Amino acid sequence: MYKFTLFRSIRIIAASALLTSFPSSFLLAQTAPNTSAPLGVSQPPGVTNTQPKLAVILNSGSASVSLIDMITRQVVKTFPVGKEPHHLMMTPDQKTLLVANAAGNDVVLMNPITGEITGRLPSIIDPYQIGYSPNRKWFVVNGNRLNRVDIYAANGTDLKLAKTIKLAKTPSHIAFTADSKIAFITLQDSSQLAAIDLETQTVLWTMPTGKVPAGLWMTPGDQYLLVGITGEDNVQVIDWKNRKEVKRIPTGKGAHNFRPLGDKRHVFVSNRIAPSISLIDMQTLEKTGDITGLPSGPDDMEITPDGKTMWVTFRFAKKVGIIDIPSMKLLDVIPVGKSPHGVFFYPRASWE
């Protein structure tokens, strides 16, 4: 029932072969510690084979968090966290997990190992998606409900609002240039991409995209932006420097969010409606395969630091799935709360 189909060969250390699954050499090569990935999303320095024990799942529709024992694959605790928790991320020092409560207008601080709540940042308005710039200087908050982007001067979790920028309908996901000069924002309900100058907090430009753009991913070297076109069935490749579309990569209906494999070349994209998960080669800008036959609504993804297992939230099915990456097969599903969105564990594979 659960099937992975390859469409083209994958180059591994200058050797190409038509594969039916990922070889162990490929997996080992992509699990090396990362020291150059964007702050707030990289594997902690020095971590190689240590495996996470606790998965944190945000139940957006239940206003709660579920904690899963990753060994027994059982929910050990579910507790209220705030209204509409959607996205989460680590602080740049890798010590605190931030949970953004979009309708609760605050950000919860959690211990990333135990899941214990350690504090709250009040009056963070409509924090749907959040992100630190790579240089740690800026904290960007997308107000999905209120059509605004708030830019904070950041010193860890000490945040000072620099400016609120009104944008078109439904700011969604965020990506940054490596030099932290520009933040890119998808605008779901106006089908646009916006670029914001972080130093001046001004909009540099907007450009049209496909219908309902959501997830954003910058390819290596800041060459292209990949945009998940949720209202269609593809990933749009944008040459952001020249503000033009390069191509569309067909993936599946409801192309939505990204999670890099960790080898600086391949990235997964979840197709919410299909339901499936596609793998894209960022060098060739081609799809290399699909994981199909999944529960409904695949959304956010996270990968264990050994690169062997991917955890996925299924928003419409109220479940979390565990996928074996070498075989690309769904191993197990775990019932959680309503509309599970964000997924996190520590440590994890590099985001690059």
C-alpha atoms as a PDB file:
ATOM      1  CA  MET A   1       0.000   0.000   0.000  1.00  0.00           C
ATOM      2  CA  TYR A   2       2.809   2.386   0.880  1.00  0.00           C
ATOM      3  CA  LYS A   3       5.003   2.884  -2.131  1.00  0.00           C
ATOM      4  CA  PHE A   4       8.048   4.893  -3.176  1.00  0.00           C
ATOM      5  CA  THR A   5       8.608   5.389  -6.891  1.00  0.00           C
ATOM      6  CA  LEU A   6      11.878   6.673  -8.363  1.00  0.00           C
ATOM      7  CA  PHE A   7      11.734   8.823 -11.479  1.00  0.00           C
ATOM      8  CA  ARG A   8      15.377   9.457 -12.222  1.00  0.00           C
ATOM      9  CA  SER A   9      18.835   8.562 -10.999  1.00  0.00           C
ATOM     10  CA  ILE A  10      20.415  10.276  -8.007  1.00  0.00           C
ATOM     11  CA  ARG A  11      24.065  11.297  -8.105  1.00  0.00           C
ATOM     12  CA  ILE A  12      25.996  10.221  -5.023  1.00  0.00           C
ATOM     13  CA  ILE A  13      29.591  11.371  -4.643  1.00  0.00           C
ATOM     14  CA  ALA A  14      30.075  11.740  -8.400  1.00  0.00           C
ATOM     15  CA  ALA A  15      28.593   8.303  -9.177  1.00  0.00           C
ATOM     16  CA  SER A  16      25.101   7.854 -10.680  1.00  0.00           C
ATOM     17  CA  ALA A  17      22.901   4.806 -10.484  1.00  0.00           C
ATOM     18  CA  LEU A  18      19.234   4.000 -10.908  1.00  0.00           C
ATOM     19  CA  LEU A  19      18.165   3.058  -7.388  1.00  0.00           C
ATOM     20  CA  THR A  20      15.162   1.359  -5.848  1.00  0.00           C
ATOM     21  CA  SER A  21      15.968   2.758  -2.410  1.00  0.00           C
ATOM     22  CA  PHE A  22      18.560   5.018  -0.826  1.00  0.00           C
ATOM     23  CA  PRO A  23      21.861   3.224  -0.129  1.00  0.00           C
ATOM     24  CA  SER A  24      23.395   3.345   3.347  1.00  0.00           C
ATOM     25  CA  SER A  25      26.350   5.358   2.015  1.00  0.00           C
ATOM     26  CA  PHE A  26      23.971   8.127   0.980  1.00  0.00           C
ATOM     27  CA  LEU A  27      22.348   8.179   4.411  1.00  0.00           C
ATOM     28  CA  LEU A  28      25.663   8.182   6.256  1.00  0.00           C
ATOM     29  CA  ALA A  29      27.011  10.979   4.091  1.00  0.00           C
ATOM     30  CA  GLN A  30      24.136  13.277   4.948  1.00  0.00           C
ATOM     31  CA  THR A  31      24.220  12.865   8.727  1.00  0.00           C
ATOM     32  CA  ALA A  32      27.496  14.650   9.425  1.00  0.00           C
ATOM     33  CA  PRO A  33      27.226  17.541  11.907  1.00  0.00           C
ATOM     34  CA  ASN A  34      26.390  20.845  10.284  1.00  0.00           C
ATOM     35  CA  THR A  35      28.048  24.089  11.276  1.00  0.00           C
ATOM     36  CA  SER A  36      26.926  26.311   8.416  1.00  0.00           C
ATOM     37  CA  ALA A  37      23.135  25.831   8.280  1.00  0.00           C
ATOM     38  CA  PRO A  38      20.897  28.774   9.310  1.00  0.00           C
ATOM     39  CA  LEU A  39      20.816  29.415  13.035  1.00  0.00           C
ATOM     40  CA  GLY A  40      17.760  28.122  14.803  1.00  0.00           C
ATOM     41  CA  VAL A  41      17.311  25.149  12.484  1.00  0.00           C
ATOM     42  CA  SER A  42      20.649  23.326  12.430  1.00  0.00           C
ATOM     43  CA  GLN A  43      21.700  20.161  14.192  1.00  0.00           C
ATOM     44  CA  PRO A  44      23.314  21.075  17.532  1.00  0.00           C
ATOM     45  CA  PRO A  45      27.130  21.269  17.295  1.00  0.00           C
ATOM     46  CA  GLY A  46      28.849  17.979  18.056  1.00  0.00           C
ATOM     47  CA  VAL A  47      25.736  15.832  17.800  1.00  0.00           C
ATOM     48  CA  THR A  48      26.139  12.859  15.479  1.00  0.00           C
ATOM     49  CA  ASN A  49      24.530   9.602  16.575  1.00  0.00           C
ATOM     50  CA  THR A  50      22.572  10.641  19.671  1.00  0.00           C
ATOM     51  CA  GLN A  51      18.935   9.814  19.050  1.00  0.00           C
ATOM     52  CA  PRO A  52      15.995  11.894  20.282  1.00  0.00           C
ATOM     53  CA  LYS A  53      13.624  10.373  22.808  1.00  0.00           C
ATOM     54  CA  LEU A  54      10.664  12.753  22.854  1.00  0.00           C
ATOM     55  CA  ALA A  55       8.639  14.156  19.945  1.00  0.00           C
ATOM     56  CA  VAL A  56       6.650  17.367  20.386  1.00  0.00           C
ATOM     57  CA  ILE A  57       3.479  17.605  18.296  1.00  0.00           C
ATOM     58  CA  LEU A  58       1.365  20.762  17.970  1.00  0.00           C
ATOM     59  CA  ASN A  59      -2.361  20.041  17.769  1.00  0.00           C
ATOM     60  CA  SER A  60      -3.542  23.276  16.153  1.00  0.00           C
ATOM     61  CA  GLY A  61      -7.245  22.427  16.310  1.00  0.00           C
ATOM     62  CA  SER A  62      -7.096  21.176  19.904  1.00  0.00           C
ATOM     63  CA  ALA A  63      -5.014  24.043  21.326  1.00  0.00           C
ATOM     64  CA  SER A  64      -2.666  21.472  22.804  1.00  0.00           C
ATOM     65  CA  VAL A  65       0.702  19.737  22.611  1.00  0.00           C
ATOM     66  CA  SER A  66       1.173  15.975  22.535  1.00  0.00           C
ATOM     67  CA  LEU A  67       4.434  14.457  23.744  1.00  0.00           C
ATOM     68  CA  ILE A  68       5.361  11.109  22.182  1.00  0.00           C
ATOM     69  CA  ASP A  69       7.864   8.596  23.535  1.00  0.00           C
ATOM     70  CA  MET A  70       9.811   7.900  20.338  1.00  0.00           C
ATOM     71  CA  ILE A  71      10.913   4.450  21.513  1.00  0.00           C
ATOM     72  CA  THR A  72       7.479   3.069  22.409  1.00  0.00           C
ATOM     73  CA  ARG A  73       5.690   5.330  19.900  1.00  0.00           C
ATOM     74  CA  GLN A  74       3.061   6.150  22.505  1.00  0.00           C
ATOM     75  CA  VAL A  75       1.618   9.523  23.514  1.00  0.00           C
ATOM     76  CA  VAL A  76       2.767  10.022  27.091  1.00  0.00           C
ATOM     77  CA  LYS A  77       1.187  13.406  27.734  1.00  0.00           C
ATOM     78  CA  THR A  78      -1.164  15.932  26.121  1.00  0.00           C
ATOM     79  CA  PHE A  79      -1.648  19.366  27.653  1.00  0.00           C
ATOM     80  CA  PRO A  80      -3.085  22.777  26.696  1.00  0.00           C
ATOM     81  CA  VAL A  81      -0.562  25.246  25.318  1.00  0.00           C
ATOM     82  CA  GLY A  82      -2.563  28.141  23.795  1.00  0.00           C
ATOM     83  CA  LYS A  83      -4.948  28.885  20.955  1.00  0.00           C
ATOM     84  CA  GLU A  84      -3.961  27.585  17.512  1.00  0.00           C
ATOM     85  CA  PRO A  85      -0.348  26.502  17.941  1.00  0.00           C
ATOM     86  CA  HIS A  86       0.885  26.070  14.371  1.00  0.00           C
ATOM     87  CA  HIS A  87       4.663  26.409  14.053  1.00  0.00           C
ATOM     88  CA  LEU A  88       7.674  25.971  16.296  1.00  0.00           C
ATOM     89  CA  MET A  89      11.430  26.434  16.198  1.00  0.00           C
ATOM     90  CA  MET A  90      14.553  26.490  18.354  1.00  0.00           C
ATOM     91  CA  THR A  91      16.196  29.647  19.636  1.00  0.00           C
ATOM     92  CA  PRO A  92      19.610  30.383  18.073  1.00  0.00           C
ATOM     93  CA  ASP A  93      21.425  29.081  21.169  1.00  0.00           C
ATOM     94  CA  GLN A  94      19.653  25.718  20.689  1.00  0.00           C
ATOM     95  CA  LYS A  95      18.412  25.745  24.287  1.00  0.00           C
ATOM     96  CA  THR A  96      14.737  26.661  24.037  1.00  0.00           C
ATOM     97  CA  LEU A  97      11.860  25.549  21.845  1.00  0.00           C
ATOM     98  CA  LEU A  98       9.456  28.289  20.743  1.00  0.00           C
ATOM     99  CA  VAL A  99       5.804  27.434  20.131  1.00  0.00           C
ATOM    100  CA  ALA A 100       3.802  30.123  18.317  1.00  0.00           C
ATOM    101  CA  ASN A 101       0.139  30.398  19.348  1.00  0.00           C
ATOM    102  CA  ALA A 102      -1.450  32.240  16.439  1.00  0.00           C
ATOM    103  CA  ALA A 103      -4.824  32.963  18.027  1.00  0.00           C
ATOM    104  CA  GLY A 104      -3.366  33.167  21.520  1.00  0.00           C
ATOM    105  CA  ASN A 105      -1.087  36.089  20.650  1.00  0.00           C
ATOM    106  CA  ASP A 106       1.908  34.683  22.493  1.00  0.00           C
ATOM    107  CA  VAL A 107       4.939  32.432  22.108  1.00  0.00           C
ATOM    108  CA  VAL A 108       5.490  29.612  24.591  1.00  0.00           C
ATOM    109  CA  LEU A 109       8.997  28.662  25.750  1.00  0.00           C
ATOM    110  CA  MET A 110       9.609  24.944  26.205  1.00  0.00           C
ATOM    111  CA  ASN A 111      12.430  22.661  27.233  1.00  0.00           C
ATOM    112  CA  PRO A 112      13.243  20.818  23.972  1.00  0.00           C
ATOM    113  CA  ILE A 113      14.230  17.614  25.795  1.00  0.00           C
ATOM    114  CA  THR A 114      11.432  17.254  28.353  1.00  0.00           C
ATOM    115  CA  GLY A 115       8.634  19.274  26.737  1.00  0.00           C
ATOM    116  CA  GLU A 116       8.214  21.264  29.952  1.00  0.00           C
ATOM    117  CA  ILE A 117       6.868  24.819  29.571  1.00  0.00           C
ATOM    118  CA  THR A 118       9.453  27.243  30.954  1.00  0.00           C
ATOM    119  CA  GLY A 119       7.877  30.610  30.121  1.00  0.00           C
ATOM    120  CA  ARG A 120       5.900  32.739  27.679  1.00  0.00           C
ATOM    121  CA  LEU A 121       6.520  35.768  25.498  1.00  0.00           C
ATOM    122  CA  PRO A 122       3.277  37.744  25.767  1.00  0.00           C
ATOM    123  CA  SER A 123       1.837  40.177  23.231  1.00  0.00           C
ATOM    124  CA  ILE A 124       3.416  38.575  20.158  1.00  0.00           C
ATOM    125  CA  ILE A 125       0.475  39.310  17.882  1.00  0.00           C
ATOM    126  CA  ASP A 126      -0.891  36.578  15.590  1.00  0.00           C
ATOM    127  CA  PRO A 127       2.316  34.500  15.407  1.00  0.00           C
ATOM    128  CA  TYR A 128       1.414  31.987  12.711  1.00  0.00           C
ATOM    129  CA  GLN A 129       4.936  31.438  11.323  1.00  0.00           C
ATOM    130  CA  ILE A 130       8.121  32.595  13.061  1.00  0.00           C
ATOM    131  CA  GLY A 131      11.795  32.737  12.157  1.00  0.00           C
ATOM    132  CA  TYR A 132      15.185  34.104  13.221  1.00  0.00           C
ATOM    133  CA  SER A 133      17.413  35.573  10.541  1.00  0.00           C
ATOM    134  CA  PRO A 134      20.691  33.622  10.117  1.00  0.00           C
ATOM    135  CA  ASN A 135      22.677  36.365  11.853  1.00  0.00           C
ATOM    136  CA  ARG A 136      20.327  36.186  14.906  1.00  0.00           C
ATOM    137  CA  LYS A 137      19.604  39.894  14.635  1.00  0.00           C
ATOM    138  CA  TRP A 138      15.973  39.744  13.528  1.00  0.00           C
ATOM    139  CA  PHE A 139      12.916  37.752  14.590  1.00  0.00           C
ATOM    140  CA  VAL A 140      10.154  37.731  11.984  1.00  0.00           C
ATOM    141  CA  VAL A 141       6.521  36.958  12.776  1.00  0.00           C
ATOM    142  CA  ASN A 142       3.943  36.317  10.060  1.00  0.00           C
ATOM    143  CA  GLY A 143       0.445  37.390  11.076  1.00  0.00           C
ATOM    144  CA  ASN A 144      -1.554  34.987   8.920  1.00  0.00           C
ATOM    145  CA  ARG A 145      -4.909  36.117  10.311  1.00  0.00           C
ATOM    146  CA  LEU A 146      -4.235  39.867  10.460  1.00  0.00           C
ATOM    147  CA  ASN A 147      -2.305  40.287   7.174  1.00  0.00           C
ATOM    148  CA  ARG A 148       0.802  41.711   8.805  1.00  0.00           C
ATOM    149  CA  VAL A 149       4.468  40.936   9.363  1.00  0.00           C
ATOM    150  CA  ASP A 150       6.116  42.048  12.600  1.00  0.00           C
ATOM    151  CA  ILE A 151       9.893  42.447  12.619  1.00  0.00           C
ATOM    152  CA  TYR A 152      11.610  42.379  16.004  1.00  0.00           C
ATOM    153  CA  ALA A 153      15.172  43.288  16.900  1.00  0.00           C
ATOM    154  CA  ALA A 154      16.287  40.115  18.665  1.00  0.00           C
ATOM    155  CA  ASN A 155      18.703  39.189  21.405  1.00  0.00           C
ATOM    156  CA  GLY A 156      17.721  35.592  21.965  1.00  0.00           C
ATOM    157  CA  THR A 157      14.192  35.706  23.392  1.00  0.00           C
ATOM    158  CA  ASP A 158      14.576  39.389  24.279  1.00  0.00           C
ATOM    159  CA  LEU A 159      12.525  40.920  21.469  1.00  0.00           C
ATOM    160  CA  LYS A 160      11.875  44.570  20.644  1.00  0.00           C
ATOM    161  CA  LEU A 161       9.353  45.403  17.936  1.00  0.00           C
ATOM    162  CA  ALA A 162      11.074  47.341  15.156  1.00  0.00           C
ATOM    163  CA  LYS A 163       8.184  47.641  12.720  1.00  0.00           C
ATOM    164  CA  THR A 164       4.831  46.221  11.688  1.00  0.00           C
ATOM    165  CA  ILE A 165       4.403  45.852   7.928  1.00  0.00           C
ATOM    166  CA  LYS A 166       0.959  45.453   6.425  1.00  0.00           C
ATOM    167  CA  LEU A 167       0.872  43.076   3.501  1.00  0.00           C
ATOM    168  CA  ALA A 168      -1.712  41.523   1.224  1.00  0.00           C
ATOM    169  CA  LYS A 169      -3.802  38.555   2.263  1.00  0.00           C
ATOM    170  CA  THR A 170      -2.541  35.800   4.554  1.00  0.00           C
ATOM    171  CA  PRO A 171       1.228  35.988   5.094  1.00  0.00           C
ATOM    172  CA  SER A 172       2.317  32.378   5.454  1.00  0.00           C
ATOM    173  CA  HIS A 173       5.881  31.029   5.385  1.00  0.00           C
ATOM    174  CA  ILE A 174       9.326  32.678   5.641  1.00  0.00           C
ATOM    175  CA  ALA A 175      12.752  32.243   4.043  1.00  0.00           C
ATOM    176  CA  PHE A 176      15.913  34.329   4.440  1.00  0.00           C
ATOM    177  CA  THR A 177      18.967  35.113   2.365  1.00  0.00           C
ATOM    178  CA  ALA A 178      22.149  33.747   3.926  1.00  0.00           C
ATOM    179  CA  ASP A 179      23.407  37.291   4.591  1.00  0.00           C
ATOM    180  CA  SER A 180      20.218  38.104   6.528  1.00  0.00           C
ATOM    181  CA  LYS A 181      19.446  41.111   4.352  1.00  0.00           C
ATOM    182  CA  ILE A 182      16.125  39.894   2.937  1.00  0.00           C
ATOM    183  CA  ALA A 183      13.151  37.973   4.291  1.00  0.00           C
ATOM    184  CA  PHE A 184      10.761  36.412   1.782  1.00  0.00           C
ATOM    185  CA  ILE A 185       7.102  35.926   2.648  1.00  0.00           C
ATOM    186  CA  THR A 186       4.449  33.921   0.814  1.00  0.00           C
ATOM    187  CA  LEU A 187       0.998  35.520   0.697  1.00  0.00           C
ATOM    188  CA  GLN A 188      -1.443  32.649   0.436  1.00  0.00           C
ATOM    189  CA  ASP A 189      -4.729  34.322  -0.413  1.00  0.00           C
ATOM    190  CA  SER A 190      -3.329  36.902  -2.812  1.00  0.00           C
ATOM    191  CA  SER A 191      -0.998  34.416  -4.558  1.00  0.00           C
ATOM    192  CA  GLN A 192       2.105  36.562  -4.198  1.00  0.00           C
ATOM    193  CA  LEU A 193       5.656  36.484  -2.895  1.00  0.00           C
ATOM    194  CA  ALA A 194       6.981  39.508  -0.991  1.00  0.00           C
ATOM    195  CA  ALA A 195      10.598  40.501  -0.283  1.00  0.00           C
ATOM    196  CA  ILE A 196      11.353  42.601   2.811  1.00  0.00           C
ATOM    197  CA  ASP A 197      14.565  44.514   3.513  1.00  0.00           C
ATOM    198  CA  LEU A 198      15.303  43.632   7.143  1.00  0.00           C
ATOM    199  CA  GLU A 199      17.593  46.572   7.896  1.00  0.00           C
ATOM    200  CA  THR A 200      15.063  49.179   6.770  1.00  0.00           C
ATOM    201  CA  GLN A 201      11.950  47.063   7.388  1.00  0.00           C
ATOM    202  CA  THR A 202      10.508  48.024   4.020  1.00  0.00           C
ATOM    203  CA  VAL A 203       8.948  45.990   1.235  1.00  0.00           C
ATOM    204  CA  LEU A 204      11.384  45.706  -1.662  1.00  0.00           C
ATOM    205  CA  TRP A 205       8.953  44.087  -4.079  1.00  0.00           C
ATOM    206  CA  THR A 206       6.105  41.668  -4.571  1.00  0.00           C
ATOM    207  CA  MET A 207       5.560  39.296  -7.472  1.00  0.00           C
ATOM    208  CA  PRO A 208       2.792  36.888  -8.518  1.00  0.00           C
ATOM    209  CA  THR A 209       3.018  33.162  -7.834  1.00  0.00           C
ATOM    210  CA  GLY A 210       0.819  30.153  -8.429  1.00  0.00           C
ATOM    211  CA  LYS A 211      -2.407  29.724  -6.475  1.00  0.00           C
ATOM    212  CA  VAL A 212      -2.104  29.657  -2.686  1.00  0.00           C
ATOM    213  CA  PRO A 213       1.687  29.726  -2.136  1.00  0.00           C
ATOM    214  CA  ALA A 214       2.747  28.311   1.220  1.00  0.00           C
ATOM    215  CA  GLY A 215       6.089  26.683   2.087  1.00  0.00           C
ATOM    216  CA  LEU A 216       9.344  28.363   1.079  1.00  0.00           C
ATOM    217  CA  TRP A 217      12.829  26.918   0.695  1.00  0.00           C
ATOM    218  CA  MET A 218      16.050  28.562  -0.507  1.00  0.00           C
ATOM    219  CA  THR A 219      18.317  26.346  -2.594  1.00  0.00           C
ATOM    220  CA  PRO A 220      22.082  26.221  -1.833  1.00  0.00           C
ATOM    221  CA  GLY A 221      23.989  29.380  -2.621  1.00  0.00           C
ATOM    222  CA  ASP A 222      20.785  31.440  -2.453  1.00  0.00           C
ATOM    223  CA  GLN A 223      20.211  30.580  -6.095  1.00  0.00           C
ATOM    224  CA  TYR A 224      16.480  29.900  -6.237  1.00  0.00           C
ATOM    225  CA  LEU A 225      13.428  30.020  -4.046  1.00  0.00           C
ATOM    226  CA  LEU A 226      11.208  26.956  -4.036  1.00  0.00           C
ATOM    227  CA  VAL A 227       7.546  27.712  -3.363  1.00  0.00           C
ATOM    228  CA  GLY A 228       4.979  25.072  -2.453  1.00  0.00           C
ATOM    229  CA  ILE A 229       1.903  25.919  -4.525  1.00  0.00           C
ATOM    230  CA  THR A 230      -0.837  24.496  -2.328  1.00  0.00           C
ATOM    231  CA  GLY A 231      -3.647  25.582  -4.645  1.00  0.00           C
ATOM    232  CA  GLU A 232      -2.149  23.561  -7.489  1.00  0.00           C
ATOM    233  CA  ASP A 233       0.070  20.478  -7.766  1.00  0.00           C
ATOM    234  CA  ASN A 234       3.596  21.809  -8.118  1.00  0.00           C
ATOM    235  CA  VAL A 235       6.620  23.555  -6.667  1.00  0.00           C
ATOM    236  CA  GLN A 236       7.388  26.875  -8.319  1.00  0.00           C
ATOM    237  CA  VAL A 237      11.069  27.679  -8.851  1.00  0.00           C
ATOM    238  CA  ILE A 238      11.743  31.416  -8.651  1.00  0.00           C
ATOM    239  CA  ASP A 239      14.861  33.321  -9.649  1.00  0.00           C
ATOM    240  CA  TRP A 240      14.331  35.873  -6.883  1.00  0.00           C
ATOM    241  CA  LYS A 241      17.183  38.162  -7.998  1.00  0.00           C
ATOM    242  CA  ASN A 242      15.458  38.743 -11.323  1.00  0.00           C
ATOM    243  CA  ARG A 243      11.912  38.238 -10.012  1.00  0.00           C
ATOM    244  CA  LYS A 244      10.917  35.627 -12.534  1.00  0.00           C
ATOM    245  CA  GLU A 245       9.706  32.059 -12.621  1.00  0.00           C
ATOM    246  CA  VAL A 246      12.242  29.489 -13.800  1.00  0.00           C
ATOM    247  CA  LYS A 247       9.990  26.441 -13.954  1.00  0.00           C
ATOM    248  CA  ARG A 248       7.303  24.388 -12.218  1.00  0.00           C
ATOM    249  CA  ILE A 249       8.141  21.002 -10.718  1.00  0.00           C
ATOM    250  CA  PRO A 250       5.045  18.747 -10.691  1.00  0.00           C
ATOM    251  CA  THR A 251       4.795  17.038  -7.280  1.00  0.00           C
ATOM    252  CA  GLY A 252       1.222  16.401  -6.160  1.00  0.00           C
ATOM    253  CA  LYS A 253      -2.006  18.197  -5.314  1.00  0.00           C
ATOM    254  CA  GLY A 254      -1.627  20.617  -2.437  1.00  0.00           C
ATOM    255  CA  ALA A 255       2.184  21.011  -2.516  1.00  0.00           C
ATOM    256  CA  HIS A 256       2.748  22.665   0.818  1.00  0.00           C
ATOM    257  CA  ASN A 257       5.807  22.460   3.054  1.00  0.00           C
ATOM    258  CA  PHE A 258       9.523  21.581   2.868  1.00  0.00           C
ATOM    259  CA  ARG A 259      12.049  19.585   4.877  1.00  0.00           C
ATOM    260  CA  PRO A 260      15.598  19.149   3.501  1.00  0.00           C
ATOM    261  CA  LEU A 261      17.118  15.688   3.619  1.00  0.00           C
ATOM    262  CA  GLY A 262      20.358  17.100   5.026  1.00  0.00           C
ATOM    263  CA  ASP A 263      22.729  16.392   2.129  1.00  0.00           C
ATOM    264  CA  LYS A 264      22.645  19.951   0.706  1.00  0.00           C
ATOM    265  CA  ARG A 265      21.003  18.584  -2.414  1.00  0.00           C
ATOM    266  CA  HIS A 266      17.597  17.006  -1.784  1.00  0.00           C
ATOM    267  CA  VAL A 267      14.456  18.390  -0.162  1.00  0.00           C
ATOM    268  CA  PHE A 268      11.123  16.767   0.667  1.00  0.00           C
ATOM    269  CA  VAL A 269       7.824  18.531  -0.056  1.00  0.00           C
ATOM    270  CA  SER A 270       4.530  17.433   1.483  1.00  0.00           C
ATOM    271  CA  ASN A 271       1.516  17.304  -0.840  1.00  0.00           C
ATOM    272  CA  ARG A 272      -1.459  17.844   1.444  1.00  0.00           C
ATOM    273  CA  ILE A 273      -4.251  16.845  -0.917  1.00  0.00           C
ATOM    274  CA  ALA A 274      -2.547  14.060  -2.904  1.00  0.00           C
ATOM    275  CA  PRO A 275      -1.697  12.780  -0.179  1.00  0.00           C
ATOM    276  CA  SER A 276       1.991  12.161  -0.785  1.00  0.00           C
ATOM    277  CA  ILE A 277       5.507  13.418  -0.108  1.00  0.00           C
ATOM    278  CA  SER A 278       7.849  14.178  -3.015  1.00  0.00           C
ATOM    279  CA  LEU A 279      11.641  14.382  -3.104  1.00  0.00           C
ATOM    280  CA  ILE A 280      13.251  17.148  -5.187  1.00  0.00           C
ATOM    281  CA  ASP A 281      16.834  17.371  -6.421  1.00  0.00           C
ATOM    282  CA  MET A 282      17.838  21.004  -5.860  1.00  0.00           C
ATOM    283  CA  GLN A 283      20.642  20.826  -8.436  1.00  0.00           C
ATOM    284  CA  THR A 284      18.636  19.442 -11.335  1.00  0.00           C
ATOM    285  CA  LEU A 285      15.335  20.986 -10.170  1.00  0.00           C
ATOM    286  CA  GLU A 286      13.579  17.707 -10.847  1.00  0.00           C
ATOM    287  CA  LYS A 287      11.426  15.403  -8.765  1.00  0.00           C
ATOM    288  CA  THR A 288      13.240  12.148  -8.019  1.00  0.00           C
ATOM    289  CA  GLY A 289      10.382  10.244  -6.426  1.00  0.00           C
ATOM    290  CA  ASP A 290       7.195  10.100  -4.358  1.00  0.00           C
ATOM    291  CA  ILE A 291       6.090   8.472  -1.123  1.00  0.00           C
ATOM    292  CA  THR A 292       2.448   7.570  -1.769  1.00  0.00           C
ATOM    293  CA  GLY A 293      -0.497   5.907  -0.036  1.00  0.00           C
ATOM    294  CA  LEU A 294      -0.211   8.088   3.065  1.00  0.00           C
ATOM    295  CA  PRO A 295      -2.937   9.197   5.502  1.00  0.00           C
ATOM    296  CA  SER A 296      -4.670  12.440   4.589  1.00  0.00           C
ATOM    297  CA  GLY A 297      -3.074  15.846   4.956  1.00  0.00           C
ATOM    298  CA  PRO A 298       0.715  15.333   5.209  1.00  0.00           C
ATOM    299  CA  ASP A 299       2.170  18.616   6.422  1.00  0.00           C
ATOM    300  CA  ASP A 300       5.219  19.281   8.620  1.00  0.00           C
ATOM    301  CA  MET A 301       8.181  16.888   8.646  1.00  0.00           C
ATOM    302  CA  GLU A 302      11.209  16.230  10.842  1.00  0.00           C
ATOM    303  CA  ILE A 303      14.129  13.816  10.399  1.00  0.00           C
ATOM    304  CA  THR A 304      16.126  11.961  13.049  1.00  0.00           C
ATOM    305  CA  PRO A 305      19.835  12.844  13.274  1.00  0.00           C
ATOM    306  CA  ASP A 306      20.907   9.495  11.793  1.00  0.00           C
ATOM    307  CA  GLY A 307      18.926  10.377   8.667  1.00  0.00           C
ATOM    308  CA  LYS A 308      16.970   7.128   8.733  1.00  0.00           C
ATOM    309  CA  THR A 309      13.514   8.135   9.912  1.00  0.00           C
ATOM    310  CA  MET A 310      11.115  10.947   9.074  1.00  0.00           C
ATOM    311  CA  TRP A 311       8.185  11.944  11.282  1.00  0.00           C
ATOM    312  CA  VAL A 312       5.223  13.599   9.548  1.00  0.00           C
ATOM    313  CA  THR A 313       2.054  15.246  10.835  1.00  0.00           C
ATOM    314  CA  PHE A 314      -1.159  14.336   9.005  1.00  0.00           C
ATOM    315  CA  ARG A 315      -3.466  17.292   9.629  1.00  0.00           C
ATOM    316  CA  PHE A 316      -6.656  15.821   8.232  1.00  0.00           C
ATOM    317  CA  ALA A 317      -6.157  12.349   9.722  1.00  0.00           C
ATOM    318  CA  LYS A 318      -5.322  13.513  13.286  1.00  0.00           C
ATOM    319  CA  LYS A 319      -2.217  11.349  13.251  1.00  0.00           C
ATOM    320  CA  VAL A 320       1.571  11.421  13.179  1.00  0.00           C
ATOM    321  CA  GLY A 321       3.364   9.060  10.810  1.00  0.00           C
ATOM    322  CA  ILE A 322       6.830   7.523  10.920  1.00  0.00           C
ATOM    323  CA  ILE A 323       8.528   6.868   7.578  1.00  0.00           C
ATOM    324  CA  ASP A 324      11.604   4.693   7.048  1.00  0.00           C
ATOM    325  CA  ILE A 325      13.748   6.762   4.682  1.00  0.00           C
ATOM    326  CA  PRO A 326      15.913   3.957   3.191  1.00  0.00           C
ATOM    327  CA  SER A 327      12.834   2.017   2.047  1.00  0.00           C
ATOM    328  CA  MET A 328      10.510   5.024   1.859  1.00  0.00           C
ATOM    329  CA  LYS A 329       7.766   3.088   3.632  1.00  0.00           C
ATOM    330  CA  LEU A 330       5.338   4.217   6.305  1.00  0.00           C
ATOM    331  CA  LEU A 331       6.202   2.220   9.426  1.00  0.00           C
ATOM    332  CA  ASP A 332       3.586   3.388  11.888  1.00  0.00           C
ATOM    333  CA  VAL A 333       0.934   5.996  12.678  1.00  0.00           C
ATOM    334  CA  ILE A 334       0.127   7.484  16.082  1.00  0.00           C
ATOM    335  CA  PRO A 335      -3.230   9.152  16.876  1.00  0.00           C
ATOM    336  CA  VAL A 336      -2.840  12.650  18.339  1.00  0.00           C
ATOM    337  CA  GLY A 337      -5.056  15.733  18.625  1.00  0.00           C
ATOM    338  CA  LYS A 338      -7.082  17.653  16.088  1.00  0.00           C
ATOM    339  CA  SER A 339      -5.240  19.138  13.093  1.00  0.00           C
ATOM    340  CA  PRO A 340      -1.647  18.285  14.093  1.00  0.00           C
ATOM    341  CA  HIS A 341       0.760  20.745  12.482  1.00  0.00           C
ATOM    342  CA  GLY A 342       4.246  21.326  13.891  1.00  0.00           C
ATOM    343  CA  VAL A 343       6.529  18.404  14.787  1.00  0.00           C
ATOM    344  CA  PHE A 344       9.839  18.649  16.638  1.00  0.00           C
ATOM    345  CA  PHE A 345      12.442  16.550  18.428  1.00  0.00           C
ATOM    346  CA  TYR A 346      15.991  17.167  19.626  1.00  0.00           C
ATOM    347  CA  PRO A 347      18.506  16.412  18.274  1.00  0.00           C
ATOM    348  CA  ARG A 348      17.550  16.172  14.601  1.00  0.00           C
ATOM    349  CA  ALA A 349      19.139  16.009  11.165  1.00  0.00           C
ATOM    350  CA  SER A 350      20.669  19.149   9.675  1.00  0.00           C
ATOM    351  CA  TRP A 351      18.388  21.577   7.873  1.00  0.00           C
ATOM    352  CA  GLU A 352      20.358  22.043   4.657  1.00  0.00           C
END
